[in-house]
């Protein structure tokens, strides 16, 4: 299985849509990128758009109740809707 890279977009206070996203982490070709952190849904949409041109093989979102849920894949290694048992580096704070 390819490596898993976390992209934390969480915020600790209310923000406006013009607040920039964090820089992307290093993304090895074909890896799974898991977007995580407590943030408004529009911030997740911005993160999906930013990751669209990345070398990631698949993108997932972290749900503290489920794990990483694959939402987009261009790799035979992952399928949309697949749930992966991974721990968030953000100490369990997921989207929500």
PDB file of N, CA and C in Angstrom:
ATOM      1  N   UNK A   1       0.842  -1.182   0.000  1.00  0.00           N
ATOM      2  CA  UNK A   1       0.000   0.000   0.000  1.00  0.00           C
ATOM      3  C   UNK A   1       0.887   1.246   0.000  1.00  0.00           C
ATOM      4  N   UNK A   2       0.443   2.258  -0.709  1.00  0.00           N
ATOM      5  CA  UNK A   2       1.176   3.522  -0.790  1.00  0.00           C
ATOM      6  C   UNK A   2       1.109   4.243   0.564  1.00  0.00           C
ATOM      7  N   UNK A   3       1.993   5.202   0.784  1.00  0.00           N
ATOM      8  CA  UNK A   3       1.982   5.930   2.051  1.00  0.00           C
ATOM      9  C   UNK A   3       0.720   6.790   2.220  1.00  0.00           C
ATOM     10  N   UNK A   4       0.432   7.122   3.475  1.00  0.00           N
ATOM     11  CA  UNK A   4      -0.688   7.993   3.817  1.00  0.00           C
ATOM     12  C   UNK A   4      -0.104   9.318   4.301  1.00  0.00           C
ATOM     13  N   UNK A   5      -0.596  10.422   3.741  1.00  0.00           N
ATOM     14  CA  UNK A   5      -0.148  11.762   4.103  1.00  0.00           C
ATOM     15  C   UNK A   5      -1.355  12.521   4.644  1.00  0.00           C
ATOM     16  N   UNK A   6      -1.198  13.160   5.805  1.00  0.00           N
ATOM     17  CA  UNK A   6      -2.281  13.958   6.371  1.00  0.00           C
ATOM     18  C   UNK A   6      -2.107  15.414   5.980  1.00  0.00           C
ATOM     19  N   UNK A   7      -3.218  16.050   5.628  1.00  0.00           N
ATOM     20  CA  UNK A   7      -3.258  17.479   5.318  1.00  0.00           C
ATOM     21  C   UNK A   7      -4.223  18.113   6.312  1.00  0.00           C
ATOM     22  N   UNK A   8      -3.685  18.765   7.315  1.00  0.00           N
ATOM     23  CA  UNK A   8      -4.496  19.351   8.374  1.00  0.00           C
ATOM     24  C   UNK A   8      -4.926  20.762   7.998  1.00  0.00           C
ATOM     25  N   UNK A   9      -6.253  20.973   7.936  1.00  0.00           N
ATOM     26  CA  UNK A   9      -6.797  22.284   7.583  1.00  0.00           C
ATOM     27  C   UNK A   9      -7.612  22.870   8.729  1.00  0.00           C
ATOM     28  N   UNK A  10      -7.549  22.251   9.896  1.00  0.00           N
ATOM     29  CA  UNK A  10      -8.353  22.661  11.037  1.00  0.00           C
ATOM     30  C   UNK A  10      -8.057  24.070  11.516  1.00  0.00           C
ATOM     31  N   UNK A  11      -9.062  24.653  12.127  1.00  0.00           N
ATOM     32  CA  UNK A  11      -8.949  25.986  12.707  1.00  0.00           C
ATOM     33  C   UNK A  11      -9.479  25.940  14.135  1.00  0.00           C
ATOM     34  N   UNK A  12      -8.984  26.847  14.982  1.00  0.00           N
ATOM     35  CA  UNK A  12      -9.407  26.859  16.378  1.00  0.00           C
ATOM     36  C   UNK A  12     -10.392  27.984  16.681  1.00  0.00           C
ATOM     37  N   UNK A  13     -10.646  28.830  15.694  1.00  0.00           N
ATOM     38  CA  UNK A  13     -11.593  29.927  15.888  1.00  0.00           C
ATOM     39  C   UNK A  13     -12.282  30.203  14.557  1.00  0.00           C
ATOM     40  N   UNK A  14     -13.408  30.912  14.587  1.00  0.00           N
ATOM     41  CA  UNK A  14     -14.083  31.226  13.318  1.00  0.00           C
ATOM     42  C   UNK A  14     -13.150  31.973  12.365  1.00  0.00           C
ATOM     43  N   UNK A  15     -13.272  31.657  11.089  1.00  0.00           N
ATOM     44  CA  UNK A  15     -12.444  32.297  10.062  1.00  0.00           C
ATOM     45  C   UNK A  15     -13.324  32.712   8.897  1.00  0.00           C
ATOM     46  N   UNK A  16     -12.782  33.549   8.040  1.00  0.00           N
ATOM     47  CA  UNK A  16     -13.472  33.981   6.822  1.00  0.00           C
ATOM     48  C   UNK A  16     -12.959  33.161   5.646  1.00  0.00           C
ATOM     49  N   UNK A  17     -13.763  33.054   4.590  1.00  0.00           N
ATOM     50  CA  UNK A  17     -13.345  32.276   3.421  1.00  0.00           C
ATOM     51  C   UNK A  17     -12.068  32.763   2.752  1.00  0.00           C
ATOM     52  N   UNK A  18     -11.671  33.997   2.981  1.00  0.00           N
ATOM     53  CA  UNK A  18     -10.442  34.462   2.343  1.00  0.00           C
ATOM     54  C   UNK A  18      -9.185  34.091   3.128  1.00  0.00           C
ATOM     55  N   UNK A  19      -9.343  33.413   4.255  1.00  0.00           N
ATOM     56  CA  UNK A  19      -8.195  32.922   5.034  1.00  0.00           C
ATOM     57  C   UNK A  19      -7.519  31.801   4.242  1.00  0.00           C
ATOM     58  N   UNK A  20      -6.227  31.911   3.958  1.00  0.00           N
ATOM     59  CA  UNK A  20      -5.571  30.892   3.122  1.00  0.00           C
ATOM     60  C   UNK A  20      -5.455  29.538   3.819  1.00  0.00           C
ATOM     61  N   UNK A  21      -5.461  28.515   3.000  1.00  0.00           N
ATOM     62  CA  UNK A  21      -5.216  27.163   3.488  1.00  0.00           C
ATOM     63  C   UNK A  21      -3.742  27.004   3.846  1.00  0.00           C
ATOM     64  N   UNK A  22      -3.430  26.053   4.713  1.00  0.00           N
ATOM     65  CA  UNK A  22      -2.012  25.761   4.963  1.00  0.00           C
ATOM     66  C   UNK A  22      -1.357  25.250   3.673  1.00  0.00           C
ATOM     67  N   UNK A  23      -0.045  25.381   3.607  1.00  0.00           N
ATOM     68  CA  UNK A  23       0.680  24.827   2.469  1.00  0.00           C
ATOM     69  C   UNK A  23       0.481  23.318   2.432  1.00  0.00           C
ATOM     70  N   UNK A  24       0.494  22.767   1.235  1.00  0.00           N
ATOM     71  CA  UNK A  24       0.378  21.309   1.099  1.00  0.00           C
ATOM     72  C   UNK A  24       1.622  20.633   1.659  1.00  0.00           C
ATOM     73  N   UNK A  25       1.438  19.481   2.288  1.00  0.00           N
ATOM     74  CA  UNK A  25       2.612  18.712   2.697  1.00  0.00           C
ATOM     75  C   UNK A  25       3.248  18.091   1.457  1.00  0.00           C
ATOM     76  N   UNK A  26       4.403  17.490   1.630  1.00  0.00           N
ATOM     77  CA  UNK A  26       5.010  16.747   0.521  1.00  0.00           C
ATOM     78  C   UNK A  26       4.110  15.559   0.211  1.00  0.00           C
ATOM     79  N   UNK A  27       3.779  15.400  -1.055  1.00  0.00           N
ATOM     80  CA  UNK A  27       2.842  14.348  -1.474  1.00  0.00           C
ATOM     81  C   UNK A  27       3.536  13.433  -2.467  1.00  0.00           C
ATOM     82  N   UNK A  28       3.939  12.241  -2.023  1.00  0.00           N
ATOM     83  CA  UNK A  28       4.546  11.291  -2.955  1.00  0.00           C
ATOM     84  C   UNK A  28       3.523  10.826  -4.002  1.00  0.00           C
ATOM     85  N   UNK A  29       3.982  10.605  -5.204  1.00  0.00           N
ATOM     86  CA  UNK A  29       3.095  10.145  -6.278  1.00  0.00           C
ATOM     87  C   UNK A  29       2.363   8.869  -5.875  1.00  0.00           C
ATOM     88  N   UNK A  30       1.043   8.899  -6.043  1.00  0.00           N
ATOM     89  CA  UNK A  30       0.216   7.724  -5.796  1.00  0.00           C
ATOM     90  C   UNK A  30      -0.239   7.540  -4.366  1.00  0.00           C
ATOM     91  N   UNK A  31       0.172   8.407  -3.453  1.00  0.00           N
ATOM     92  CA  UNK A  31      -0.189   8.206  -2.043  1.00  0.00           C
ATOM     93  C   UNK A  31      -1.643   8.574  -1.775  1.00  0.00           C
ATOM     94  N   UNK A  32      -2.112   8.255  -0.598  1.00  0.00           N
ATOM     95  CA  UNK A  32      -3.426   8.657  -0.116  1.00  0.00           C
ATOM     96  C   UNK A  32      -3.244   9.904   0.728  1.00  0.00           C
ATOM     97  N   UNK A  33      -3.976  10.976   0.403  1.00  0.00           N
ATOM     98  CA  UNK A  33      -3.957  12.186   1.221  1.00  0.00           C
ATOM     99  C   UNK A  33      -5.248  12.209   2.034  1.00  0.00           C
ATOM    100  N   UNK A  34      -5.110  12.343   3.354  1.00  0.00           N
ATOM    101  CA  UNK A  34      -6.255  12.415   4.250  1.00  0.00           C
ATOM    102  C   UNK A  34      -6.369  13.854   4.743  1.00  0.00           C
ATOM    103  N   UNK A  35      -7.477  14.499   4.392  1.00  0.00           N
ATOM    104  CA  UNK A  35      -7.732  15.856   4.869  1.00  0.00           C
ATOM    105  C   UNK A  35      -8.366  15.733   6.246  1.00  0.00           C
ATOM    106  N   UNK A  36      -7.827  16.483   7.215  1.00  0.00           N
ATOM    107  CA  UNK A  36      -8.370  16.385   8.563  1.00  0.00           C
ATOM    108  C   UNK A  36      -8.354  17.727   9.257  1.00  0.00           C
ATOM    109  N   UNK A  37      -9.171  17.837  10.288  1.00  0.00           N
ATOM    110  CA  UNK A  37      -9.224  19.026  11.119  1.00  0.00           C
ATOM    111  C   UNK A  37     -10.620  19.607  11.184  1.00  0.00           C
ATOM    112  N   UNK A  38     -10.911  20.255  12.287  1.00  0.00           N
ATOM    113  CA  UNK A  38     -12.214  20.894  12.467  1.00  0.00           C
ATOM    114  C   UNK A  38     -12.215  22.190  11.652  1.00  0.00           C
ATOM    115  N   UNK A  39     -13.111  22.256  10.658  1.00  0.00           N
ATOM    116  CA  UNK A  39     -13.145  23.401   9.751  1.00  0.00           C
ATOM    117  C   UNK A  39     -14.503  23.456   9.059  1.00  0.00           C
ATOM    118  N   UNK A  40     -14.881  24.641   8.566  1.00  0.00           N
ATOM    119  CA  UNK A  40     -16.130  24.761   7.813  1.00  0.00           C
ATOM    120  C   UNK A  40     -16.077  23.913   6.535  1.00  0.00           C
ATOM    121  N   UNK A  41     -17.243  23.512   6.072  1.00  0.00           N
ATOM    122  CA  UNK A  41     -17.312  22.657   4.889  1.00  0.00           C
ATOM    123  C   UNK A  41     -16.698  23.345   3.666  1.00  0.00           C
ATOM    124  N   UNK A  42     -16.836  24.675   3.561  1.00  0.00           N
ATOM    125  CA  UNK A  42     -16.255  25.362   2.402  1.00  0.00           C
ATOM    126  C   UNK A  42     -14.736  25.271   2.409  1.00  0.00           C
ATOM    127  N   UNK A  43     -14.136  25.177   3.596  1.00  0.00           N
ATOM    128  CA  UNK A  43     -12.674  25.028   3.668  1.00  0.00           C
ATOM    129  C   UNK A  43     -12.259  23.644   3.145  1.00  0.00           C
ATOM    130  N   UNK A  44     -13.078  22.629   3.419  1.00  0.00           N
ATOM    131  CA  UNK A  44     -12.815  21.302   2.858  1.00  0.00           C
ATOM    132  C   UNK A  44     -12.917  21.342   1.330  1.00  0.00           C
ATOM    133  N   UNK A  45     -13.918  22.053   0.811  1.00  0.00           N
ATOM    134  CA  UNK A  45     -14.053  22.186  -0.642  1.00  0.00           C
ATOM    135  C   UNK A  45     -12.824  22.832  -1.261  1.00  0.00           C
ATOM    136  N   UNK A  46     -12.300  23.856  -0.603  1.00  0.00           N
ATOM    137  CA  UNK A  46     -11.084  24.511  -1.088  1.00  0.00           C
ATOM    138  C   UNK A  46      -9.894  23.544  -1.070  1.00  0.00           C
ATOM    139  N   UNK A  47      -9.820  22.720  -0.023  1.00  0.00           N
ATOM    140  CA  UNK A  47      -8.726  21.743   0.074  1.00  0.00           C
ATOM    141  C   UNK A  47      -8.839  20.702  -1.040  1.00  0.00           C
ATOM    142  N   UNK A  48     -10.067  20.226  -1.339  1.00  0.00           N
ATOM    143  CA  UNK A  48     -10.249  19.273  -2.441  1.00  0.00           C
ATOM    144  C   UNK A  48      -9.758  19.885  -3.751  1.00  0.00           C
ATOM    145  N   UNK A  49     -10.117  21.136  -3.974  1.00  0.00           N
ATOM    146  CA  UNK A  49      -9.713  21.803  -5.210  1.00  0.00           C
ATOM    147  C   UNK A  49      -8.189  21.919  -5.288  1.00  0.00           C
ATOM    148  N   UNK A  50      -7.561  22.300  -4.191  1.00  0.00           N
ATOM    149  CA  UNK A  50      -6.103  22.434  -4.171  1.00  0.00           C
ATOM    150  C   UNK A  50      -5.425  21.084  -4.451  1.00  0.00           C
ATOM    151  N   UNK A  51      -5.986  20.013  -3.949  1.00  0.00           N
ATOM    152  CA  UNK A  51      -5.378  18.688  -4.114  1.00  0.00           C
ATOM    153  C   UNK A  51      -5.637  18.079  -5.494  1.00  0.00           C
ATOM    154  N   UNK A  52      -6.560  18.645  -6.239  1.00  0.00           N
ATOM    155  CA  UNK A  52      -6.933  18.073  -7.541  1.00  0.00           C
ATOM    156  C   UNK A  52      -5.743  17.873  -8.471  1.00  0.00           C
ATOM    157  N   UNK A  53      -4.832  18.797  -8.509  1.00  0.00           N
ATOM    158  CA  UNK A  53      -3.678  18.674  -9.398  1.00  0.00           C
ATOM    159  C   UNK A  53      -2.456  18.048  -8.755  1.00  0.00           C
ATOM    160  N   UNK A  54      -2.620  17.504  -7.562  1.00  0.00           N
ATOM    161  CA  UNK A  54      -1.478  16.917  -6.850  1.00  0.00           C
ATOM    162  C   UNK A  54      -1.174  15.509  -7.373  1.00  0.00           C
ATOM    163  N   UNK A  55      -0.027  14.970  -6.985  1.00  0.00           N
ATOM    164  CA  UNK A  55       0.310  13.600  -7.399  1.00  0.00           C
ATOM    165  C   UNK A  55      -0.390  12.509  -6.584  1.00  0.00           C
ATOM    166  N   UNK A  56      -1.314  12.882  -5.692  1.00  0.00           N
ATOM    167  CA  UNK A  56      -2.008  11.886  -4.862  1.00  0.00           C
ATOM    168  C   UNK A  56      -2.780  10.896  -5.721  1.00  0.00           C
ATOM    169  N   UNK A  57      -2.811   9.653  -5.277  1.00  0.00           N
ATOM    170  CA  UNK A  57      -3.590   8.626  -5.958  1.00  0.00           C
ATOM    171  C   UNK A  57      -5.029   8.607  -5.489  1.00  0.00           C
ATOM    172  N   UNK A  58      -5.264   9.110  -4.270  1.00  0.00           N
ATOM    173  CA  UNK A  58      -6.612   9.147  -3.706  1.00  0.00           C
ATOM    174  C   UNK A  58      -6.662  10.196  -2.603  1.00  0.00           C
ATOM    175  N   UNK A  59      -7.879  10.666  -2.332  1.00  0.00           N
ATOM    176  CA  UNK A  59      -8.106  11.643  -1.273  1.00  0.00           C
ATOM    177  C   UNK A  59      -9.185  11.098  -0.352  1.00  0.00           C
ATOM    178  N   UNK A  60      -8.957  11.265   0.945  1.00  0.00           N
ATOM    179  CA  UNK A  60      -9.931  10.839   1.951  1.00  0.00           C
ATOM    180  C   UNK A  60     -10.143  11.978   2.934  1.00  0.00           C
ATOM    181  N   UNK A  61     -11.226  11.912   3.680  1.00  0.00           N
ATOM    182  CA  UNK A  61     -11.460  12.842   4.776  1.00  0.00           C
ATOM    183  C   UNK A  61     -11.480  12.037   6.065  1.00  0.00           C
ATOM    184  N   UNK A  62     -10.982  12.656   7.125  1.00  0.00           N
ATOM    185  CA  UNK A  62     -10.927  11.974   8.411  1.00  0.00           C
ATOM    186  C   UNK A  62     -12.208  12.235   9.190  1.00  0.00           C
ATOM    187  N   UNK A  63     -12.841  11.164   9.639  1.00  0.00           N
ATOM    188  CA  UNK A  63     -14.019  11.230  10.496  1.00  0.00           C
ATOM    189  C   UNK A  63     -13.637  10.527  11.789  1.00  0.00           C
ATOM    190  N   UNK A  64     -13.686  11.211  12.928  1.00  0.00           N
ATOM    191  CA  UNK A  64     -13.233  10.591  14.177  1.00  0.00           C
ATOM    192  C   UNK A  64     -14.029   9.354  14.581  1.00  0.00           C
ATOM    193  N   UNK A  65     -15.240   9.205  14.067  1.00  0.00           N
ATOM    194  CA  UNK A  65     -16.049   8.022  14.399  1.00  0.00           C
ATOM    195  C   UNK A  65     -15.734   6.835  13.501  1.00  0.00           C
ATOM    196  N   UNK A  66     -15.265   7.112  12.282  1.00  0.00           N
ATOM    197  CA  UNK A  66     -15.062   6.046  11.302  1.00  0.00           C
ATOM    198  C   UNK A  66     -13.599   5.776  10.967  1.00  0.00           C
ATOM    199  N   UNK A  67     -12.850   6.822  10.787  1.00  0.00           N
ATOM    200  CA  UNK A  67     -11.480   6.731  10.281  1.00  0.00           C
ATOM    201  C   UNK A  67     -11.397   7.570   9.029  1.00  0.00           C
ATOM    202  N   UNK A  68     -10.544   7.202   8.093  1.00  0.00           N
ATOM    203  CA  UNK A  68     -10.398   7.946   6.839  1.00  0.00           C
ATOM    204  C   UNK A  68     -11.349   7.360   5.803  1.00  0.00           C
ATOM    205  N   UNK A  69     -12.207   8.204   5.251  1.00  0.00           N
ATOM    206  CA  UNK A  69     -13.178   7.772   4.247  1.00  0.00           C
ATOM    207  C   UNK A  69     -12.709   8.287   2.884  1.00  0.00           C
ATOM    208  N   UNK A  70     -12.443   7.373   1.968  1.00  0.00           N
ATOM    209  CA  UNK A  70     -11.971   7.742   0.633  1.00  0.00           C
ATOM    210  C   UNK A  70     -13.120   8.407  -0.128  1.00  0.00           C
ATOM    211  N   UNK A  71     -12.861   9.619  -0.649  1.00  0.00           N
ATOM    212  CA  UNK A  71     -13.887  10.357  -1.379  1.00  0.00           C
ATOM    213  C   UNK A  71     -13.564  10.512  -2.866  1.00  0.00           C
ATOM    214  N   UNK A  72     -12.317  10.289  -3.235  1.00  0.00           N
ATOM    215  CA  UNK A  72     -11.917  10.361  -4.644  1.00  0.00           C
ATOM    216  C   UNK A  72     -10.701   9.474  -4.838  1.00  0.00           C
ATOM    217  N   UNK A  73     -10.690   8.721  -5.942  1.00  0.00           N
ATOM    218  CA  UNK A  73      -9.559   7.835  -6.193  1.00  0.00           C
ATOM    219  C   UNK A  73      -9.276   7.703  -7.684  1.00  0.00           C
ATOM    220  N   UNK A  74      -7.989   7.724  -7.989  1.00  0.00           N
ATOM    221  CA  UNK A  74      -7.512   7.431  -9.343  1.00  0.00           C
ATOM    222  C   UNK A  74      -6.536   6.265  -9.266  1.00  0.00           C
ATOM    223  N   UNK A  75      -6.722   5.419  -8.270  1.00  0.00           N
ATOM    224  CA  UNK A  75      -5.813   4.313  -8.010  1.00  0.00           C
ATOM    225  C   UNK A  75      -6.608   3.042  -7.725  1.00  0.00           C
ATOM    226  N   UNK A  76      -6.100   1.926  -8.214  1.00  0.00           N
ATOM    227  CA  UNK A  76      -6.758   0.645  -7.931  1.00  0.00           C
ATOM    228  C   UNK A  76      -6.606   0.254  -6.466  1.00  0.00           C
ATOM    229  N   UNK A  77      -5.702   0.927  -5.751  1.00  0.00           N
ATOM    230  CA  UNK A  77      -5.471   0.595  -4.345  1.00  0.00           C
ATOM    231  C   UNK A  77      -6.535   1.095  -3.400  1.00  0.00           C
ATOM    232  N   UNK A  78      -7.328   2.069  -3.833  1.00  0.00           N
ATOM    233  CA  UNK A  78      -8.392   2.621  -2.987  1.00  0.00           C
ATOM    234  C   UNK A  78      -9.649   2.798  -3.812  1.00  0.00           C
ATOM    235  N   UNK A  79     -10.797   2.675  -3.144  1.00  0.00           N
ATOM    236  CA  UNK A  79     -12.073   2.895  -3.826  1.00  0.00           C
ATOM    237  C   UNK A  79     -12.903   3.888  -3.034  1.00  0.00           C
ATOM    238  N   UNK A  80     -13.687   4.674  -3.729  1.00  0.00           N
ATOM    239  CA  UNK A  80     -14.548   5.650  -3.075  1.00  0.00           C
ATOM    240  C   UNK A  80     -15.491   4.931  -2.103  1.00  0.00           C
ATOM    241  N   UNK A  81     -15.612   5.481  -0.906  1.00  0.00           N
ATOM    242  CA  UNK A  81     -16.440   4.876   0.131  1.00  0.00           C
ATOM    243  C   UNK A  81     -15.675   3.936   1.045  1.00  0.00           C
ATOM    244  N   UNK A  82     -14.462   3.602   0.679  1.00  0.00           N
ATOM    245  CA  UNK A  82     -13.637   2.720   1.510  1.00  0.00           C
ATOM    246  C   UNK A  82     -13.273   3.443   2.805  1.00  0.00           C
ATOM    247  N   UNK A  83     -13.323   2.726   3.920  1.00  0.00           N
ATOM    248  CA  UNK A  83     -12.975   3.284   5.223  1.00  0.00           C
ATOM    249  C   UNK A  83     -11.669   2.650   5.671  1.00  0.00           C
ATOM    250  N   UNK A  84     -10.706   3.502   6.035  1.00  0.00           N
ATOM    251  CA  UNK A  84      -9.399   3.035   6.480  1.00  0.00           C
ATOM    252  C   UNK A  84      -9.208   3.345   7.952  1.00  0.00           C
ATOM    253  N   UNK A  85      -8.679   2.405   8.673  1.00  0.00           N
ATOM    254  CA  UNK A  85      -8.431   2.574  10.109  1.00  0.00           C
ATOM    255  C   UNK A  85      -7.099   3.286  10.293  1.00  0.00           C
ATOM    256  N   UNK A  86      -7.147   4.600  10.373  1.00  0.00           N
ATOM    257  CA  UNK A  86      -5.948   5.413  10.591  1.00  0.00           C
ATOM    258  C   UNK A  86      -6.224   6.374  11.727  1.00  0.00           C
ATOM    259  N   UNK A  87      -5.180   6.790  12.406  1.00  0.00           N
ATOM    260  CA  UNK A  87      -5.307   7.772  13.470  1.00  0.00           C
ATOM    261  C   UNK A  87      -4.893   9.133  12.957  1.00  0.00           C
ATOM    262  N   UNK A  88      -5.695  10.133  13.289  1.00  0.00           N
ATOM    263  CA  UNK A  88      -5.397  11.483  12.877  1.00  0.00           C
ATOM    264  C   UNK A  88      -4.277  12.061  13.732  1.00  0.00           C
ATOM    265  N   UNK A  89      -3.315  12.731  13.102  1.00  0.00           N
ATOM    266  CA  UNK A  89      -2.271  13.373  13.897  1.00  0.00           C
ATOM    267  C   UNK A  89      -2.822  14.559  14.687  1.00  0.00           C
ATOM    268  N   UNK A  90      -4.041  15.001  14.352  1.00  0.00           N
ATOM    269  CA  UNK A  90      -4.676  16.116  15.048  1.00  0.00           C
ATOM    270  C   UNK A  90      -5.377  15.676  16.303  1.00  0.00           C
ATOM    271  N   UNK A  91      -4.901  14.627  16.942  1.00  0.00           N
ATOM    272  CA  UNK A  91      -5.410  14.084  18.204  1.00  0.00           C
ATOM    273  C   UNK A  91      -6.914  13.850  18.197  1.00  0.00           C
ATOM    274  N   UNK A  92      -7.400  13.281  17.085  1.00  0.00           N
ATOM    275  CA  UNK A  92      -8.799  12.890  17.044  1.00  0.00           C
ATOM    276  C   UNK A  92      -9.778  13.987  16.698  1.00  0.00           C
ATOM    277  N   UNK A  93      -9.319  15.179  16.400  1.00  0.00           N
ATOM    278  CA  UNK A  93     -10.230  16.255  16.040  1.00  0.00           C
ATOM    279  C   UNK A  93     -10.476  16.178  14.552  1.00  0.00           C
ATOM    280  N   UNK A  94     -11.683  15.764  14.153  1.00  0.00           N
ATOM    281  CA  UNK A  94     -11.975  15.619  12.742  1.00  0.00           C
ATOM    282  C   UNK A  94     -12.966  16.651  12.274  1.00  0.00           C
ATOM    283  N   UNK A  95     -13.348  16.508  11.040  1.00  0.00           N
ATOM    284  CA  UNK A  95     -14.326  17.430  10.476  1.00  0.00           C
ATOM    285  C   UNK A  95     -15.661  17.226  11.164  1.00  0.00           C
ATOM    286  N   UNK A  96     -16.339  18.264  11.345  1.00  0.00           N
ATOM    287  CA  UNK A  96     -17.602  17.983  11.901  1.00  0.00           C
ATOM    288  C   UNK A  96     -18.333  19.053  12.456  1.00  0.00           C
TER     289      UNK A  96
END
